[in-house]
Amino acid sequence: MKILFSPYQKFIPIAKMLHAQGHELVSSHPGLTKNFNDLDIPSKPLSDFIKPDDKINALNYSSAALGKMIDQSYDGYVNFSDKVKLFMTNNIPAFMYSRLADLSIAVTAINNYDPDIILVHNDVEPITRTMAAWASGNGKRSLIASLHSIQSSFPHLSFNLKSGSSNIIQISPTCE
């Protein structure tokens, strides 16, 4: 089974167990990949699944998508202050350009790897939310460990992208 991990140190014991069972492990962050490999848990970084044309295609996609935002009117958004509307009108494409490109490249790499299971430590950060959304949209399992740190006094919120979806399993470890 192919398993993709988000960066979360508490996943190391799980990765060790899954490796012992013969599963293929990939991490969305090179630092976690290094940690896995340093601990004799063979792993590859998700970036290994990016093909040469993927980056330019992601940048082109970002440019096209953000080009559509330039002509977007935000006047109908009554809950936005005038300053927010001005920012959305004048600056949101530049603000979103690199973020959308990064997420587009991540989705392409995930598509290329095609994991059976994705383990994310929350679904509120852009990359982890993207990973959980990909799993949900592709009929794959996404396990969400809601607690960022065992020492944390409060859990991250998990938005459960598809309410009631059998594809998203939320794990809520208890603080010790």
C-alpha atoms as a PDB file:
ATOM      1  CA  MET A   1       0.000   0.000   0.000  1.00  0.00           C
ATOM      2  CA  LYS A   2       1.242   3.528  -0.816  1.00  0.00           C
ATOM      3  CA  ILE A   3       1.008   5.943   2.113  1.00  0.00           C
ATOM      4  CA  LEU A   4       1.613   9.715   2.073  1.00  0.00           C
ATOM      5  CA  PHE A   5       2.464  11.538   5.323  1.00  0.00           C
ATOM      6  CA  SER A   6       2.233  15.224   6.175  1.00  0.00           C
ATOM      7  CA  PRO A   7       5.105  16.518   8.321  1.00  0.00           C
ATOM      8  CA  TYR A   8       4.381  15.514  11.916  1.00  0.00           C
ATOM      9  CA  GLN A   9       6.994  13.937  14.178  1.00  0.00           C
ATOM     10  CA  LYS A  10       4.374  11.936  16.071  1.00  0.00           C
ATOM     11  CA  PHE A  11       3.842   9.893  12.873  1.00  0.00           C
ATOM     12  CA  ILE A  12       7.305   8.275  13.194  1.00  0.00           C
ATOM     13  CA  PRO A  13       6.147   5.256  15.260  1.00  0.00           C
ATOM     14  CA  ILE A  14       3.254   4.733  12.842  1.00  0.00           C
ATOM     15  CA  ALA A  15       5.649   4.945   9.889  1.00  0.00           C
ATOM     16  CA  LYS A  16       7.983   2.413  11.518  1.00  0.00           C
ATOM     17  CA  MET A  17       5.098  -0.020  11.977  1.00  0.00           C
ATOM     18  CA  LEU A  18       3.779   0.516   8.426  1.00  0.00           C
ATOM     19  CA  HIS A  19       7.258   0.028   6.954  1.00  0.00           C
ATOM     20  CA  ALA A  20       7.607  -3.243   8.903  1.00  0.00           C
ATOM     21  CA  GLN A  21       4.385  -4.380   7.237  1.00  0.00           C
ATOM     22  CA  GLY A  22       5.867  -3.639   3.801  1.00  0.00           C
ATOM     23  CA  HIS A  23       4.059  -0.428   2.879  1.00  0.00           C
ATOM     24  CA  GLU A  24       5.643   2.255   0.668  1.00  0.00           C
ATOM     25  CA  LEU A  25       6.086   5.577   2.487  1.00  0.00           C
ATOM     26  CA  VAL A  26       6.307   9.093   1.075  1.00  0.00           C
ATOM     27  CA  SER A  27       6.423  12.385   2.970  1.00  0.00           C
ATOM     28  CA  SER A  28       5.160  15.767   1.800  1.00  0.00           C
ATOM     29  CA  HIS A  29       8.101  17.421   3.575  1.00  0.00           C
ATOM     30  CA  PRO A  30      11.788  16.610   2.928  1.00  0.00           C
ATOM     31  CA  GLY A  31      12.624  17.060   6.633  1.00  0.00           C
ATOM     32  CA  LEU A  32      10.292  14.227   7.640  1.00  0.00           C
ATOM     33  CA  THR A  33      11.651  12.091   4.806  1.00  0.00           C
ATOM     34  CA  LYS A  34      15.161  12.641   6.206  1.00  0.00           C
ATOM     35  CA  ASN A  35      13.965  11.750   9.714  1.00  0.00           C
ATOM     36  CA  PHE A  36      12.352   8.565   8.425  1.00  0.00           C
ATOM     37  CA  ASN A  37      15.467   7.553   6.501  1.00  0.00           C
ATOM     38  CA  ASP A  38      17.781   8.423   9.430  1.00  0.00           C
ATOM     39  CA  LEU A  39      15.689   6.036  11.541  1.00  0.00           C
ATOM     40  CA  ASP A  40      15.956   3.262   8.921  1.00  0.00           C
ATOM     41  CA  ILE A  41      12.405   3.807   7.695  1.00  0.00           C
ATOM     42  CA  PRO A  42      12.821   3.951   3.892  1.00  0.00           C
ATOM     43  CA  SER A  43      10.904   6.901   2.496  1.00  0.00           C
ATOM     44  CA  LYS A  44      10.859   9.231  -0.485  1.00  0.00           C
ATOM     45  CA  PRO A  45       9.940  12.905  -0.609  1.00  0.00           C
ATOM     46  CA  LEU A  46       6.775  13.814  -2.484  1.00  0.00           C
ATOM     47  CA  SER A  47       8.933  16.072  -4.669  1.00  0.00           C
ATOM     48  CA  ASP A  48      10.389  12.926  -6.295  1.00  0.00           C
ATOM     49  CA  PHE A  49       7.058  12.588  -8.081  1.00  0.00           C
ATOM     50  CA  ILE A  50       7.219  15.970  -9.813  1.00  0.00           C
ATOM     51  CA  LYS A  51       7.979  15.625 -13.511  1.00  0.00           C
ATOM     52  CA  PRO A  52       9.955  18.289 -15.424  1.00  0.00           C
ATOM     53  CA  ASP A  53       6.896  19.879 -17.065  1.00  0.00           C
ATOM     54  CA  ASP A  54       4.786  19.828 -13.884  1.00  0.00           C
ATOM     55  CA  LYS A  55       6.220  23.057 -12.469  1.00  0.00           C
ATOM     56  CA  ILE A  56       5.680  25.126 -15.594  1.00  0.00           C
ATOM     57  CA  ASN A  57       2.183  23.683 -16.005  1.00  0.00           C
ATOM     58  CA  ALA A  58       1.367  24.626 -12.394  1.00  0.00           C
ATOM     59  CA  LEU A  59       2.645  28.169 -12.938  1.00  0.00           C
ATOM     60  CA  ASN A  60       0.602  28.474 -16.139  1.00  0.00           C
ATOM     61  CA  TYR A  61      -2.486  27.193 -14.326  1.00  0.00           C
ATOM     62  CA  SER A  62      -1.908  29.714 -11.535  1.00  0.00           C
ATOM     63  CA  SER A  63      -1.522  32.549 -14.023  1.00  0.00           C
ATOM     64  CA  ALA A  64      -4.736  31.625 -15.836  1.00  0.00           C
ATOM     65  CA  ALA A  65      -6.749  31.179 -12.626  1.00  0.00           C
ATOM     66  CA  LEU A  66      -5.475  34.392 -11.101  1.00  0.00           C
ATOM     67  CA  GLY A  67      -6.003  36.292 -14.337  1.00  0.00           C
ATOM     68  CA  LYS A  68      -9.697  35.605 -13.890  1.00  0.00           C
ATOM     69  CA  MET A  69      -9.548  37.159 -10.425  1.00  0.00           C
ATOM     70  CA  ILE A  70      -8.288  40.487 -11.754  1.00  0.00           C
ATOM     71  CA  ASP A  71     -11.663  41.322 -13.278  1.00  0.00           C
ATOM     72  CA  GLN A  72     -13.581  40.027 -10.253  1.00  0.00           C
ATOM     73  CA  SER A  73     -15.742  42.617  -8.511  1.00  0.00           C
ATOM     74  CA  TYR A  74     -15.932  42.407  -4.740  1.00  0.00           C
ATOM     75  CA  ASP A  75     -18.517  45.182  -4.339  1.00  0.00           C
ATOM     76  CA  GLY A  76     -21.279  42.674  -3.612  1.00  0.00           C
ATOM     77  CA  TYR A  77     -19.452  41.330  -0.580  1.00  0.00           C
ATOM     78  CA  VAL A  78     -21.187  43.369   2.110  1.00  0.00           C
ATOM     79  CA  ASN A  79     -19.165  41.839   4.962  1.00  0.00           C
ATOM     80  CA  PHE A  80     -15.885  43.072   3.470  1.00  0.00           C
ATOM     81  CA  SER A  81     -14.616  46.452   4.611  1.00  0.00           C
ATOM     82  CA  ASP A  82     -13.556  48.923   1.923  1.00  0.00           C
ATOM     83  CA  LYS A  83      -9.896  48.183   2.750  1.00  0.00           C
ATOM     84  CA  VAL A  84     -10.435  44.453   2.273  1.00  0.00           C
ATOM     85  CA  LYS A  85     -12.264  45.053  -1.032  1.00  0.00           C
ATOM     86  CA  LEU A  86      -9.383  47.265  -2.195  1.00  0.00           C
ATOM     87  CA  PHE A  87      -6.849  44.577  -1.243  1.00  0.00           C
ATOM     88  CA  MET A  88      -8.915  41.872  -2.958  1.00  0.00           C
ATOM     89  CA  THR A  89      -9.227  43.977  -6.110  1.00  0.00           C
ATOM     90  CA  ASN A  90      -5.637  45.199  -6.331  1.00  0.00           C
ATOM     91  CA  ASN A  91      -3.448  42.668  -4.551  1.00  0.00           C
ATOM     92  CA  ILE A  92      -5.048  39.247  -4.227  1.00  0.00           C
ATOM     93  CA  PRO A  93      -3.694  37.877  -7.535  1.00  0.00           C
ATOM     94  CA  ALA A  94      -0.101  38.735  -6.558  1.00  0.00           C
ATOM     95  CA  PHE A  95      -0.691  37.439  -3.013  1.00  0.00           C
ATOM     96  CA  MET A  96      -2.149  34.150  -4.245  1.00  0.00           C
ATOM     97  CA  TYR A  97       0.186  33.544  -7.216  1.00  0.00           C
ATOM     98  CA  SER A  98       2.954  31.601  -5.478  1.00  0.00           C
ATOM     99  CA  ARG A  99       0.558  29.901  -3.054  1.00  0.00           C
ATOM    100  CA  LEU A 100      -1.692  28.606  -5.804  1.00  0.00           C
ATOM    101  CA  ALA A 101       1.337  27.456  -7.811  1.00  0.00           C
ATOM    102  CA  ASP A 102       2.725  25.585  -4.778  1.00  0.00           C
ATOM    103  CA  LEU A 103      -0.603  23.865  -4.157  1.00  0.00           C
ATOM    104  CA  SER A 104      -1.012  23.077  -7.845  1.00  0.00           C
ATOM    105  CA  ILE A 105       2.432  21.441  -7.898  1.00  0.00           C
ATOM    106  CA  ALA A 106       1.553  19.508  -4.733  1.00  0.00           C
ATOM    107  CA  VAL A 107      -1.688  18.218  -6.264  1.00  0.00           C
ATOM    108  CA  THR A 108       0.196  17.172  -9.389  1.00  0.00           C
ATOM    109  CA  ALA A 109       2.803  15.310  -7.305  1.00  0.00           C
ATOM    110  CA  ILE A 110       0.052  13.610  -5.283  1.00  0.00           C
ATOM    111  CA  ASN A 111      -1.692  12.631  -8.541  1.00  0.00           C
ATOM    112  CA  ASN A 112       1.577  11.230  -9.864  1.00  0.00           C
ATOM    113  CA  TYR A 113       2.207   9.233  -6.668  1.00  0.00           C
ATOM    114  CA  ASP A 114      -1.464   8.196  -6.263  1.00  0.00           C
ATOM    115  CA  PRO A 115      -1.339   7.132  -2.593  1.00  0.00           C
ATOM    116  CA  ASP A 116      -3.825   4.695  -1.112  1.00  0.00           C
ATOM    117  CA  ILE A 117      -3.854   6.473   2.252  1.00  0.00           C
ATOM    118  CA  ILE A 118      -2.902  10.005   3.297  1.00  0.00           C
ATOM    119  CA  LEU A 119      -2.052  10.812   6.919  1.00  0.00           C
ATOM    120  CA  VAL A 120      -2.265  14.500   7.819  1.00  0.00           C
ATOM    121  CA  HIS A 121      -1.896  16.042  11.257  1.00  0.00           C
ATOM    122  CA  ASN A 122      -4.678  18.539  10.566  1.00  0.00           C
ATOM    123  CA  ASP A 123      -6.656  19.828   7.617  1.00  0.00           C
ATOM    124  CA  VAL A 124      -6.342  23.553   8.265  1.00  0.00           C
ATOM    125  CA  GLU A 125      -2.950  24.405   6.755  1.00  0.00           C
ATOM    126  CA  PRO A 126      -2.951  24.879   2.967  1.00  0.00           C
ATOM    127  CA  ILE A 127      -0.856  21.790   2.174  1.00  0.00           C
ATOM    128  CA  THR A 128      -2.559  19.466   4.643  1.00  0.00           C
ATOM    129  CA  ARG A 129      -6.008  20.711   3.610  1.00  0.00           C
ATOM    130  CA  THR A 130      -5.035  20.111  -0.015  1.00  0.00           C
ATOM    131  CA  MET A 131      -3.867  16.587   0.825  1.00  0.00           C
ATOM    132  CA  ALA A 132      -7.117  15.800   2.686  1.00  0.00           C
ATOM    133  CA  ALA A 133      -9.200  17.317  -0.120  1.00  0.00           C
ATOM    134  CA  TRP A 134      -7.304  15.253  -2.701  1.00  0.00           C
ATOM    135  CA  ALA A 135      -7.996  12.082  -0.724  1.00  0.00           C
ATOM    136  CA  SER A 136     -11.659  12.954  -0.358  1.00  0.00           C
ATOM    137  CA  GLY A 137     -12.036  13.843  -4.030  1.00  0.00           C
ATOM    138  CA  ASN A 138     -10.258  10.703  -5.216  1.00  0.00           C
ATOM    139  CA  GLY A 139     -11.961   8.103  -3.035  1.00  0.00           C
ATOM    140  CA  LYS A 140      -8.856   7.536  -0.900  1.00  0.00           C
ATOM    141  CA  ARG A 141      -8.522   7.329   2.855  1.00  0.00           C
ATOM    142  CA  SER A 142      -7.330  10.419   4.705  1.00  0.00           C
ATOM    143  CA  LEU A 143      -6.511  10.068   8.382  1.00  0.00           C
ATOM    144  CA  ILE A 144      -6.500  13.378  10.217  1.00  0.00           C
ATOM    145  CA  ALA A 145      -4.793  13.543  13.597  1.00  0.00           C
ATOM    146  CA  SER A 146      -6.456  16.635  15.028  1.00  0.00           C
ATOM    147  CA  LEU A 147      -3.956  17.409  17.729  1.00  0.00           C
ATOM    148  CA  HIS A 148      -0.906  19.312  16.517  1.00  0.00           C
ATOM    149  CA  SER A 149       1.182  18.539  19.558  1.00  0.00           C
ATOM    150  CA  ILE A 150       0.587  16.256  22.494  1.00  0.00           C
ATOM    151  CA  GLN A 151       1.690  19.171  24.712  1.00  0.00           C
ATOM    152  CA  SER A 152      -0.828  21.502  23.076  1.00  0.00           C
ATOM    153  CA  SER A 153      -3.668  22.599  25.311  1.00  0.00           C
ATOM    154  CA  PHE A 154      -6.155  22.709  22.434  1.00  0.00           C
ATOM    155  CA  PRO A 155      -6.629  20.729  19.233  1.00  0.00           C
ATOM    156  CA  HIS A 156      -6.504  22.181  15.753  1.00  0.00           C
ATOM    157  CA  LEU A 157      -9.893  22.468  14.228  1.00  0.00           C
ATOM    158  CA  SER A 158     -10.546  19.985  11.487  1.00  0.00           C
ATOM    159  CA  PHE A 159     -12.974  21.089   8.855  1.00  0.00           C
ATOM    160  CA  ASN A 160     -13.783  17.593   7.562  1.00  0.00           C
ATOM    161  CA  LEU A 161     -14.008  18.560   3.941  1.00  0.00           C
ATOM    162  CA  LYS A 162     -16.866  16.164   3.179  1.00  0.00           C
ATOM    163  CA  SER A 163     -19.108  15.988   6.179  1.00  0.00           C
ATOM    164  CA  GLY A 164     -20.022  12.384   6.805  1.00  0.00           C
ATOM    165  CA  SER A 165     -17.502  11.114   4.258  1.00  0.00           C
ATOM    166  CA  SER A 166     -16.223   7.616   4.905  1.00  0.00           C
ATOM    167  CA  ASN A 167     -12.991   8.716   3.232  1.00  0.00           C
ATOM    168  CA  ILE A 168     -11.989  11.029   6.071  1.00  0.00           C
ATOM    169  CA  ILE A 169     -11.242   9.433   9.411  1.00  0.00           C
ATOM    170  CA  GLN A 170     -10.508  11.875  12.205  1.00  0.00           C
ATOM    171  CA  ILE A 171      -8.147  10.803  14.968  1.00  0.00           C
ATOM    172  CA  SER A 172      -8.263  12.897  18.146  1.00  0.00           C
ATOM    173  CA  PRO A 173      -5.462  11.804  20.472  1.00  0.00           C
ATOM    174  CA  THR A 174      -5.920  12.728  24.121  1.00  0.00           C
ATOM    175  CA  CYS A 175      -3.542  15.150  25.846  1.00  0.00           C
ATOM    176  CA  GLU A 176      -1.469  13.487  28.547  1.00  0.00           C
END
